[in-house]
Protein backbone atom coordinates (compact mmCIF):
# COMPACT_ATOMS: atom_id res chain seq x y z
CA MET A 1 0.14 -0.05 0.26
CA THR A 2 1.27 3.60 -0.81
CA VAL A 3 0.80 6.56 0.88
CA THR A 4 -1.21 7.53 -1.91
CA ASP A 5 -3.43 4.12 -1.43
CA ARG A 6 -4.53 5.07 1.89
CA PRO A 7 -7.64 6.96 3.05
CA GLY A 8 -6.64 10.25 3.87
CA GLY A 9 -3.16 9.33 2.62
CA GLY A 10 -3.31 12.37 -0.12
CA GLY A 11 -4.74 10.55 -2.81
CA ARG A 12 -3.52 13.34 -5.75
CA GLY A 13 0.48 13.03 -4.74
CA GLY A 14 0.15 15.25 -2.00
CA ARG A 15 0.99 14.24 1.83
CA ALA A 16 -1.61 13.42 4.26
CA GLY A 17 -3.64 16.07 5.62
CA SER A 18 -2.85 18.84 2.60
CA PRO A 19 -5.29 21.05 1.65
CA GLN A 20 -5.82 19.34 -1.34
CA ASP A 21 -7.63 16.62 1.02
CA GLY A 22 -10.77 18.24 0.74
CA PRO A 23 -12.34 19.48 4.14
CA ALA A 24 -10.86 16.73 6.46
CA GLY A 25 -7.11 17.78 5.44
CA VAL A 26 -7.90 21.67 6.27
CA ARG A 27 -9.01 20.67 9.73
CA GLU A 28 -6.23 18.47 10.09
CA THR A 29 -3.31 21.23 9.18
CA ALA A 30 -5.53 23.63 11.22
CA ALA A 31 -4.92 21.28 14.40
CA ARG A 32 -1.46 20.89 13.74
CA HIS A 33 -0.84 24.37 13.91
CA ALA A 34 -3.79 25.36 16.33
CA LEU A 35 -0.92 26.51 19.33
CA LEU A 36 1.01 28.60 16.69
CA PRO A 37 -0.97 31.87 17.40
CA LEU A 38 -0.70 30.92 21.44
CA ARG A 39 3.03 30.77 20.93
CA LEU A 40 3.86 33.40 18.65
CA PHE A 41 1.67 35.83 21.47
CA LEU A 42 3.12 34.52 23.96
CA GLY A 43 6.47 35.16 22.85
CA VAL A 44 6.23 38.44 21.48
CA THR A 45 4.24 39.28 24.96
CA PHE A 46 7.41 38.40 26.78
CA LEU A 47 10.13 39.09 24.40
CA TYR A 48 8.65 42.79 24.92
CA ALA A 49 7.96 42.83 28.43
CA GLY A 50 11.74 41.52 29.37
CA ILE A 51 13.32 44.09 26.69
CA ASP A 52 10.68 46.68 27.77
CA LYS A 53 11.67 46.10 31.61
CA LEU A 54 15.58 45.71 30.91
CA THR A 55 15.82 49.69 29.38
CA ASP A 56 13.58 51.01 32.13
CA PRO A 57 16.23 51.87 34.57
CA ALA A 58 13.69 53.54 36.73
CA PHE A 59 11.79 49.72 36.71
CA ILE A 60 15.73 48.00 37.72
CA ALA A 61 16.36 51.05 40.37
CA ASP A 62 15.57 49.62 44.50
CA ALA A 63 13.78 52.27 44.97
CA GLY A 64 11.81 55.15 43.56
CA PRO A 65 9.19 56.10 41.43
CA GLY A 66 8.09 53.28 39.03
CA SER A 67 10.74 50.95 40.67
CA LEU A 68 9.90 47.51 41.01
CA GLY A 69 11.11 47.92 45.08
CA GLU A 70 7.93 50.66 45.11
CA LEU A 71 5.83 48.19 43.20
CA LEU A 72 6.90 45.71 45.57
CA GLY A 73 6.49 47.58 48.51
CA SER A 74 3.21 48.61 48.15
CA VAL A 75 1.45 45.15 47.48
CA GLN A 76 -1.00 44.37 50.36
CA GLY A 77 -1.83 40.48 51.32
CA ALA A 78 0.14 38.51 48.35
CA ALA A 79 -0.83 34.37 48.47
CA ALA A 80 3.21 34.25 49.27
CA PRO A 81 4.34 36.52 50.80
CA TRP A 82 8.05 34.71 51.63
CA LEU A 83 7.88 35.10 47.66
CA LEU A 84 7.30 38.93 48.05
CA ASP A 85 9.98 39.21 51.16
CA LEU A 86 12.55 37.45 49.09
CA ALA A 87 11.98 40.33 45.67
CA LEU A 88 11.86 43.01 48.21
CA ARG A 89 15.78 42.05 49.79
CA ALA A 90 17.22 42.54 46.41
CA PRO A 91 14.68 44.23 44.12
CA GLU A 92 17.15 45.02 41.27
CA THR A 93 18.98 41.94 41.34
CA PHE A 94 15.24 40.54 40.87
CA GLY A 95 14.06 42.80 38.37
CA HIS A 96 16.61 41.84 36.52
CA ALA A 97 16.09 38.19 36.87
CA ILE A 98 12.35 38.42 36.38
CA SER A 99 13.34 40.65 33.01
CA LEU A 100 16.24 38.56 31.65
CA GLY A 101 13.87 35.32 32.17
CA GLU A 102 10.79 36.98 30.30
CA VAL A 103 13.45 37.57 27.68
CA ALA A 104 14.44 33.76 27.75
CA VAL A 105 10.88 32.45 27.53
CA GLY A 106 9.61 35.29 24.63
CA LEU A 107 12.64 33.98 22.61
CA GLY A 108 12.55 30.16 22.93
CA ALA A 109 8.50 30.14 22.06
CA LEU A 110 8.94 32.68 19.33
CA LEU A 111 11.70 30.00 17.99
CA GLY A 112 10.21 27.49 19.36
CA LEU A 113 13.67 25.91 20.64
CA TRP A 114 13.22 23.85 24.11
CA THR A 115 9.16 24.84 23.75
CA ARG A 116 8.02 23.17 26.89
CA LEU A 117 10.90 24.52 29.18
CA ALA A 118 10.14 27.95 28.18
CA ALA A 119 6.83 27.44 28.74
CA LEU A 120 7.84 26.10 32.25
CA GLY A 121 9.61 29.13 32.44
CA GLY A 122 6.34 31.62 31.56
CA ALA A 123 4.12 29.57 33.72
CA LEU A 124 6.66 30.33 36.87
CA ILE A 125 6.91 34.17 36.15
CA SER A 126 3.01 34.00 35.34
CA LEU A 127 2.65 32.22 38.81
CA SER A 128 4.81 34.75 41.23
CA PHE A 129 3.24 38.04 39.58
CA TRP A 130 -0.24 36.31 40.40
CA LEU A 131 0.81 35.35 43.62
CA THR A 132 2.39 38.13 44.73
CA ILE A 133 1.29 41.47 42.82
CA SER A 134 -1.80 40.78 41.44
CA TRP A 135 -3.28 38.14 44.09
CA ASN A 136 -5.31 40.88 45.58
CA VAL A 137 -7.13 42.18 42.28
CA GLY A 138 -10.55 41.25 42.00
CA PRO A 139 -12.79 39.41 41.05
CA TYR A 140 -10.09 37.60 39.96
CA TYR A 141 -10.78 37.50 36.49
CA TYR A 142 -9.28 41.13 36.27
CA SER A 143 -5.71 39.91 36.69
CA GLN A 144 -4.22 38.97 33.41
CA ASP A 145 -1.32 37.30 35.21
CA LEU A 146 -3.53 34.48 35.98
CA ALA A 147 -4.53 34.38 32.24
CA TYR A 148 -0.95 34.14 31.26
CA LEU A 149 -0.31 30.92 33.55
CA MET A 150 -3.12 29.10 32.26
CA ALA A 151 -2.42 29.74 28.24
CA TRP A 152 1.06 28.45 29.35
CA THR A 153 -0.60 24.91 30.07
CA PRO A 154 -0.84 23.94 26.53
CA LEU A 155 2.46 24.64 25.38
CA LEU A 156 3.53 23.34 28.17
CA LEU A 157 2.00 19.74 27.30
CA ALA A 158 1.73 20.00 23.72
CA GLY A 159 5.45 21.77 22.90
CA ALA A 160 5.82 23.28 19.61
CA PRO A 161 5.55 20.23 17.28
CA THR A 162 5.46 22.41 14.18
CA LEU A 163 7.32 25.30 12.65
CA SER A 164 9.44 25.48 15.39
CA LEU A 165 13.41 24.37 15.96
CA ASP A 166 12.17 21.83 18.38
CA ALA A 167 10.48 19.83 15.35
CA ALA A 168 13.67 20.53 13.09
CA LEU A 169 15.57 19.08 15.38
CA ALA A 170 13.49 16.07 16.17
CA ALA A 171 13.89 15.55 12.31
CA ARG A 172 17.25 15.60 12.09
CA ARG A 173 18.05 13.18 15.26
CA ALA A 174 15.18 11.09 13.11
CA GLY A 175 16.60 11.13 9.94
CA ARG A 176 19.94 10.13 11.70
CA ARG A 177 18.43 6.44 12.88
C-alpha cells in the first residue's frame, strides 16, 4: 500500500492532511498549527516585557517612582508573602532576573526552541506575579497573570510540534536513525 492508496493519504500525490484532501485535510492542517498563534503571542509579549523592563532604568532601580522596589512595597496581602519578601531583599537583582527570564522565555517560545522549558518558565513567572503582585486584584478574572499562567499550559503539555526549531531538531534526529 502506498501513501496515495491509504485513506486520507493525499490521493492526488499530496501528503496526508494537505489542503488538497478537502475539508478533512484543512482541518488536520489547522489542528496541527492550532498552538502557533498562542506561541507567537506569548513569545512576543514576554520578549517585549523583558526588553521593556531591561531598558527602563526606573524599573530596575532599588527604589523610586516606577521602580520594582516601589511596586513590591505597595503590595498588600500577597498569597506568597515569602516570595514578596525575597524580592524586596534585592529588588534590583530580582528585576534583572525577571527581565532576563522573560526575554529567554519569549525567545524560546518564538523560535520554538526548548518550548516546554520556555513554557514552564513563562508559567512560573506568571504564577509568581499572580501570587504576589496581582493576588488581591478582584474579582480574580481582572488579573491578567492568571490568564497568562493558563495560556502557557497547552504549550507546556504539547510543546511546539510544527514550525519550530524543536520540530526541526526532532526531524534531524529521526533522520539519523
